[in-house]
Amino acid sequence: MESSEPRPLIAIVDDDLASANLLAMVLEADYDSFIATSGIEAIAMIRGRQPDLVLLDIMLPDISGYETCVALQAEPATSKIPVIFVTGLEESENEELGFVAGAVDYQSKPINPGILKVRIARILDNKMYIEFLEGLLSQKDLTLSVFRDSAKAMLKRSTGDFGFSEP
């Protein structure tokens, strides 16, 4: 029986279309995906489609993956989308730059499909948990606001409004 829940959507950003298609094939059993082959194209597609996660190469033809990640982190609509760098650059300086740019993880190529899928699953689980907690906090804030407003109204009715200002 098929699940009616939508599958997580992953953006794959790599200028090497063969590598991007290989990643899509690795993920196709568990995730939906779309491919962008440049940083500028990726930013536009990610804004429009709001994926759950981004797999991002560093070496892109227009702007770097670092610049792409920074641009995504700077926009409220895309800032909470986790980014994993998937790149052939293995030097620790590149990994550090990736984390400074806002990535949540860094995977060197060639990838181990099993490890990458576990990393993605954990990051998506954490993202869902954070969104759930943020929703609870938002609900709590709304509930407190309603109770506060009700209490103020009851106080005004019972004591009269003598023009006292709120603390």
C-alpha atoms as a PDB file:
ATOM      1  CA  MET A   1       0.000   0.000   0.000  1.00  0.00           C
ATOM      2  CA  GLU A   2       1.426   3.377  -1.004  1.00  0.00           C
ATOM      3  CA  SER A   3       1.926   6.097   1.589  1.00  0.00           C
ATOM      4  CA  SER A   4      -0.053   9.266   0.954  1.00  0.00           C
ATOM      5  CA  GLU A   5       2.562  11.450   2.652  1.00  0.00           C
ATOM      6  CA  PRO A   6       4.736  13.451   0.281  1.00  0.00           C
ATOM      7  CA  ARG A   7       8.327  12.336   0.036  1.00  0.00           C
ATOM      8  CA  PRO A   8      11.092  14.733   1.020  1.00  0.00           C
ATOM      9  CA  LEU A   9      12.398  16.823  -1.873  1.00  0.00           C
ATOM     10  CA  ILE A  10      16.144  17.184  -2.376  1.00  0.00           C
ATOM     11  CA  ALA A  11      17.869  19.729  -4.605  1.00  0.00           C
ATOM     12  CA  ILE A  12      21.003  18.373  -6.251  1.00  0.00           C
ATOM     13  CA  VAL A  13      23.354  21.114  -7.447  1.00  0.00           C
ATOM     14  CA  ASP A  14      26.294  19.956  -9.562  1.00  0.00           C
ATOM     15  CA  ASP A  15      27.655  21.197 -12.876  1.00  0.00           C
ATOM     16  CA  ASP A  16      28.578  17.598 -13.773  1.00  0.00           C
ATOM     17  CA  LEU A  17      25.245  16.257 -14.963  1.00  0.00           C
ATOM     18  CA  ALA A  18      26.460  12.647 -14.756  1.00  0.00           C
ATOM     19  CA  SER A  19      27.323  13.112 -11.053  1.00  0.00           C
ATOM     20  CA  ALA A  20      24.000  14.835 -10.415  1.00  0.00           C
ATOM     21  CA  ASN A  21      22.063  12.044 -12.131  1.00  0.00           C
ATOM     22  CA  LEU A  22      24.025   9.426 -10.161  1.00  0.00           C
ATOM     23  CA  LEU A  23      23.051  11.155  -6.888  1.00  0.00           C
ATOM     24  CA  ALA A  24      19.422  11.295  -8.029  1.00  0.00           C
ATOM     25  CA  MET A  25      19.501   7.557  -8.790  1.00  0.00           C
ATOM     26  CA  VAL A  26      21.035   6.780  -5.385  1.00  0.00           C
ATOM     27  CA  LEU A  27      18.240   8.726  -3.670  1.00  0.00           C
ATOM     28  CA  GLU A  28      15.259   7.845  -5.889  1.00  0.00           C
ATOM     29  CA  ALA A  29      13.957   5.022  -3.676  1.00  0.00           C
ATOM     30  CA  ASP A  30      13.452   7.375  -0.720  1.00  0.00           C
ATOM     31  CA  TYR A  31      13.359  10.945  -2.021  1.00  0.00           C
ATOM     32  CA  ASP A  32      12.138  13.113  -4.854  1.00  0.00           C
ATOM     33  CA  SER A  33      14.788  15.358  -6.347  1.00  0.00           C
ATOM     34  CA  PHE A  34      15.536  18.006  -8.907  1.00  0.00           C
ATOM     35  CA  ILE A  35      18.828  19.050 -10.453  1.00  0.00           C
ATOM     36  CA  ALA A  36      20.411  22.447 -11.012  1.00  0.00           C
ATOM     37  CA  THR A  37      23.756  22.793 -12.780  1.00  0.00           C
ATOM     38  CA  SER A  38      24.808  26.262 -11.623  1.00  0.00           C
ATOM     39  CA  GLY A  39      24.620  28.378  -8.492  1.00  0.00           C
ATOM     40  CA  ILE A  40      22.325  31.033  -9.954  1.00  0.00           C
ATOM     41  CA  GLU A  41      19.972  28.393 -11.370  1.00  0.00           C
ATOM     42  CA  ALA A  42      20.014  26.569  -8.012  1.00  0.00           C
ATOM     43  CA  ILE A  43      19.072  29.670  -6.018  1.00  0.00           C
ATOM     44  CA  ALA A  44      16.117  30.378  -8.318  1.00  0.00           C
ATOM     45  CA  MET A  45      14.914  26.752  -8.293  1.00  0.00           C
ATOM     46  CA  ILE A  46      15.331  26.401  -4.525  1.00  0.00           C
ATOM     47  CA  ARG A  47      13.376  29.621  -3.922  1.00  0.00           C
ATOM     48  CA  GLY A  48      10.557  28.309  -6.080  1.00  0.00           C
ATOM     49  CA  ARG A  49      10.425  24.672  -5.029  1.00  0.00           C
ATOM     50  CA  GLN A  50      11.468  24.889  -1.350  1.00  0.00           C
ATOM     51  CA  PRO A  51      13.253  21.525  -1.067  1.00  0.00           C
ATOM     52  CA  ASP A  52      13.790  19.845   2.278  1.00  0.00           C
ATOM     53  CA  LEU A  53      17.560  19.596   1.751  1.00  0.00           C
ATOM     54  CA  VAL A  54      20.244  20.698  -0.721  1.00  0.00           C
ATOM     55  CA  LEU A  55      23.205  18.636  -1.931  1.00  0.00           C
ATOM     56  CA  LEU A  56      25.642  21.247  -3.236  1.00  0.00           C
ATOM     57  CA  ASP A  57      28.907  20.968  -5.138  1.00  0.00           C
ATOM     58  CA  ILE A  58      31.522  23.670  -4.523  1.00  0.00           C
ATOM     59  CA  MET A  59      32.891  23.990  -8.053  1.00  0.00           C
ATOM     60  CA  LEU A  60      30.129  25.545 -10.162  1.00  0.00           C
ATOM     61  CA  PRO A  61      30.412  27.482 -13.455  1.00  0.00           C
ATOM     62  CA  ASP A  62      28.996  30.839 -12.328  1.00  0.00           C
ATOM     63  CA  ILE A  63      29.199  31.357  -8.578  1.00  0.00           C
ATOM     64  CA  SER A  64      30.805  28.916  -6.174  1.00  0.00           C
ATOM     65  CA  GLY A  65      28.901  26.539  -3.965  1.00  0.00           C
ATOM     66  CA  TYR A  66      30.082  28.618  -1.009  1.00  0.00           C
ATOM     67  CA  GLU A  67      28.483  31.741  -2.511  1.00  0.00           C
ATOM     68  CA  THR A  68      25.337  29.776  -3.336  1.00  0.00           C
ATOM     69  CA  CYS A  69      25.095  28.525   0.249  1.00  0.00           C
ATOM     70  CA  VAL A  70      25.650  32.010   1.698  1.00  0.00           C
ATOM     71  CA  ALA A  71      22.935  33.414  -0.597  1.00  0.00           C
ATOM     72  CA  LEU A  72      20.487  30.693   0.500  1.00  0.00           C
ATOM     73  CA  GLN A  73      21.287  31.291   4.180  1.00  0.00           C
ATOM     74  CA  ALA A  74      20.746  35.050   3.762  1.00  0.00           C
ATOM     75  CA  GLU A  75      17.143  34.708   2.548  1.00  0.00           C
ATOM     76  CA  PRO A  76      14.408  34.071   5.129  1.00  0.00           C
ATOM     77  CA  ALA A  77      12.537  31.781   2.703  1.00  0.00           C
ATOM     78  CA  THR A  78      15.539  29.467   2.225  1.00  0.00           C
ATOM     79  CA  SER A  79      17.652  29.998   5.337  1.00  0.00           C
ATOM     80  CA  LYS A  80      16.338  26.933   7.173  1.00  0.00           C
ATOM     81  CA  ILE A  81      16.940  24.500   4.320  1.00  0.00           C
ATOM     82  CA  PRO A  82      19.899  22.330   5.329  1.00  0.00           C
ATOM     83  CA  VAL A  83      22.826  22.163   2.906  1.00  0.00           C
ATOM     84  CA  ILE A  84      25.304  19.315   2.547  1.00  0.00           C
ATOM     85  CA  PHE A  85      28.353  20.007   0.427  1.00  0.00           C
ATOM     86  CA  VAL A  86      29.102  17.044  -1.838  1.00  0.00           C
ATOM     87  CA  THR A  87      32.393  17.775  -3.527  1.00  0.00           C
ATOM     88  CA  GLY A  88      35.648  16.420  -4.836  1.00  0.00           C
ATOM     89  CA  LEU A  89      37.560  18.975  -2.757  1.00  0.00           C
ATOM     90  CA  GLU A  90      38.948  17.057   0.204  1.00  0.00           C
ATOM     91  CA  GLU A  91      41.204  19.626   1.908  1.00  0.00           C
ATOM     92  CA  SER A  92      40.159  20.559   5.437  1.00  0.00           C
ATOM     93  CA  GLU A  93      40.241  24.264   4.502  1.00  0.00           C
ATOM     94  CA  ASN A  94      37.452  23.634   1.986  1.00  0.00           C
ATOM     95  CA  GLU A  95      35.426  21.757   4.579  1.00  0.00           C
ATOM     96  CA  GLU A  96      35.879  24.613   7.049  1.00  0.00           C
ATOM     97  CA  LEU A  97      34.782  27.151   4.419  1.00  0.00           C
ATOM     98  CA  GLY A  98      31.706  25.016   3.769  1.00  0.00           C
ATOM     99  CA  PHE A  99      30.686  25.076   7.414  1.00  0.00           C
ATOM    100  CA  VAL A 100      31.398  28.811   7.670  1.00  0.00           C
ATOM    101  CA  ALA A 101      29.155  29.343   4.610  1.00  0.00           C
ATOM    102  CA  GLY A 102      26.307  27.639   6.497  1.00  0.00           C
ATOM    103  CA  ALA A 103      26.407  23.948   5.523  1.00  0.00           C
ATOM    104  CA  VAL A 104      25.286  21.348   8.058  1.00  0.00           C
ATOM    105  CA  ASP A 105      27.526  18.619   6.628  1.00  0.00           C
ATOM    106  CA  TYR A 106      30.330  17.993   4.135  1.00  0.00           C
ATOM    107  CA  GLN A 107      30.741  14.823   2.058  1.00  0.00           C
ATOM    108  CA  SER A 108      33.761  14.208  -0.156  1.00  0.00           C
ATOM    109  CA  LYS A 109      33.430  12.459  -3.508  1.00  0.00           C
ATOM    110  CA  PRO A 110      33.350   9.672  -4.348  1.00  0.00           C
ATOM    111  CA  ILE A 111      30.385   9.244  -2.065  1.00  0.00           C
ATOM    112  CA  ASN A 112      29.432   6.125  -0.174  1.00  0.00           C
ATOM    113  CA  PRO A 113      25.692   5.889  -0.993  1.00  0.00           C
ATOM    114  CA  GLY A 114      24.773   4.215   2.298  1.00  0.00           C
ATOM    115  CA  ILE A 115      26.589   6.801   4.419  1.00  0.00           C
ATOM    116  CA  LEU A 116      25.135   9.697   2.432  1.00  0.00           C
ATOM    117  CA  LYS A 117      21.598   8.316   2.816  1.00  0.00           C
ATOM    118  CA  VAL A 118      22.074   7.941   6.591  1.00  0.00           C
ATOM    119  CA  ARG A 119      23.390  11.510   6.844  1.00  0.00           C
ATOM    120  CA  ILE A 120      20.443  12.828   4.840  1.00  0.00           C
ATOM    121  CA  ALA A 121      17.937  10.867   6.938  1.00  0.00           C
ATOM    122  CA  ARG A 122      19.413  12.168  10.209  1.00  0.00           C
ATOM    123  CA  ILE A 123      19.508  15.760   9.010  1.00  0.00           C
ATOM    124  CA  LEU A 124      15.903  15.550   7.781  1.00  0.00           C
ATOM    125  CA  ASP A 125      14.802  13.952  11.071  1.00  0.00           C
ATOM    126  CA  ASN A 126      16.480  16.796  12.984  1.00  0.00           C
ATOM    127  CA  LYS A 127      14.875  19.375  10.673  1.00  0.00           C
ATOM    128  CA  MET A 128      11.400  17.875  11.242  1.00  0.00           C
ATOM    129  CA  TYR A 129      11.959  17.824  15.010  1.00  0.00           C
ATOM    130  CA  ILE A 130      13.080  21.464  15.022  1.00  0.00           C
ATOM    131  CA  GLU A 131      10.067  22.482  12.904  1.00  0.00           C
ATOM    132  CA  PHE A 132       7.786  20.584  15.305  1.00  0.00           C
ATOM    133  CA  LEU A 133       9.305  22.344  18.340  1.00  0.00           C
ATOM    134  CA  GLU A 134       9.102  25.731  16.621  1.00  0.00           C
ATOM    135  CA  GLY A 135       5.432  25.046  15.907  1.00  0.00           C
ATOM    136  CA  LEU A 136       4.813  24.198  19.563  1.00  0.00           C
ATOM    137  CA  LEU A 137       6.579  27.378  20.679  1.00  0.00           C
ATOM    138  CA  SER A 138       4.591  29.440  18.205  1.00  0.00           C
ATOM    139  CA  GLN A 139       1.351  27.868  19.450  1.00  0.00           C
ATOM    140  CA  LYS A 140       2.405  28.493  23.065  1.00  0.00           C
ATOM    141  CA  ASP A 141       3.204  32.125  22.276  1.00  0.00           C
ATOM    142  CA  LEU A 142      -0.178  32.553  20.582  1.00  0.00           C
ATOM    143  CA  THR A 143      -1.978  30.909  23.515  1.00  0.00           C
ATOM    144  CA  LEU A 144      -0.133  33.104  26.026  1.00  0.00           C
ATOM    145  CA  SER A 145      -0.956  36.187  23.992  1.00  0.00           C
ATOM    146  CA  VAL A 146      -4.662  35.282  23.954  1.00  0.00           C
ATOM    147  CA  PHE A 147      -4.667  34.627  27.731  1.00  0.00           C
ATOM    148  CA  ARG A 148      -2.765  37.874  28.393  1.00  0.00           C
ATOM    149  CA  ASP A 149      -5.234  39.885  26.298  1.00  0.00           C
ATOM    150  CA  SER A 150      -8.188  38.176  28.013  1.00  0.00           C
ATOM    151  CA  ALA A 151      -6.724  38.867  31.456  1.00  0.00           C
ATOM    152  CA  LYS A 152      -6.180  42.551  30.579  1.00  0.00           C
ATOM    153  CA  ALA A 153      -9.771  42.852  29.338  1.00  0.00           C
ATOM    154  CA  MET A 154     -11.151  41.195  32.493  1.00  0.00           C
ATOM    155  CA  LEU A 155      -9.013  43.433  34.696  1.00  0.00           C
ATOM    156  CA  LYS A 156     -10.241  46.546  32.891  1.00  0.00           C
ATOM    157  CA  ARG A 157     -13.862  45.432  33.272  1.00  0.00           C
ATOM    158  CA  SER A 158     -13.519  44.603  36.962  1.00  0.00           C
ATOM    159  CA  THR A 159     -11.504  47.651  38.054  1.00  0.00           C
ATOM    160  CA  GLY A 160     -12.277  50.172  35.399  1.00  0.00           C
ATOM    161  CA  ASP A 161      -9.600  51.607  33.177  1.00  0.00           C
ATOM    162  CA  PHE A 162      -7.845  54.237  35.273  1.00  0.00           C
ATOM    163  CA  GLY A 163      -5.280  55.018  32.626  1.00  0.00           C
ATOM    164  CA  PHE A 164      -2.485  53.020  34.171  1.00  0.00           C
ATOM    165  CA  SER A 165       0.167  52.073  31.701  1.00  0.00           C
ATOM    166  CA  GLU A 166       1.492  48.571  31.305  1.00  0.00           C
ATOM    167  CA  PRO A 167       4.816  47.765  32.940  1.00  0.00           C
END
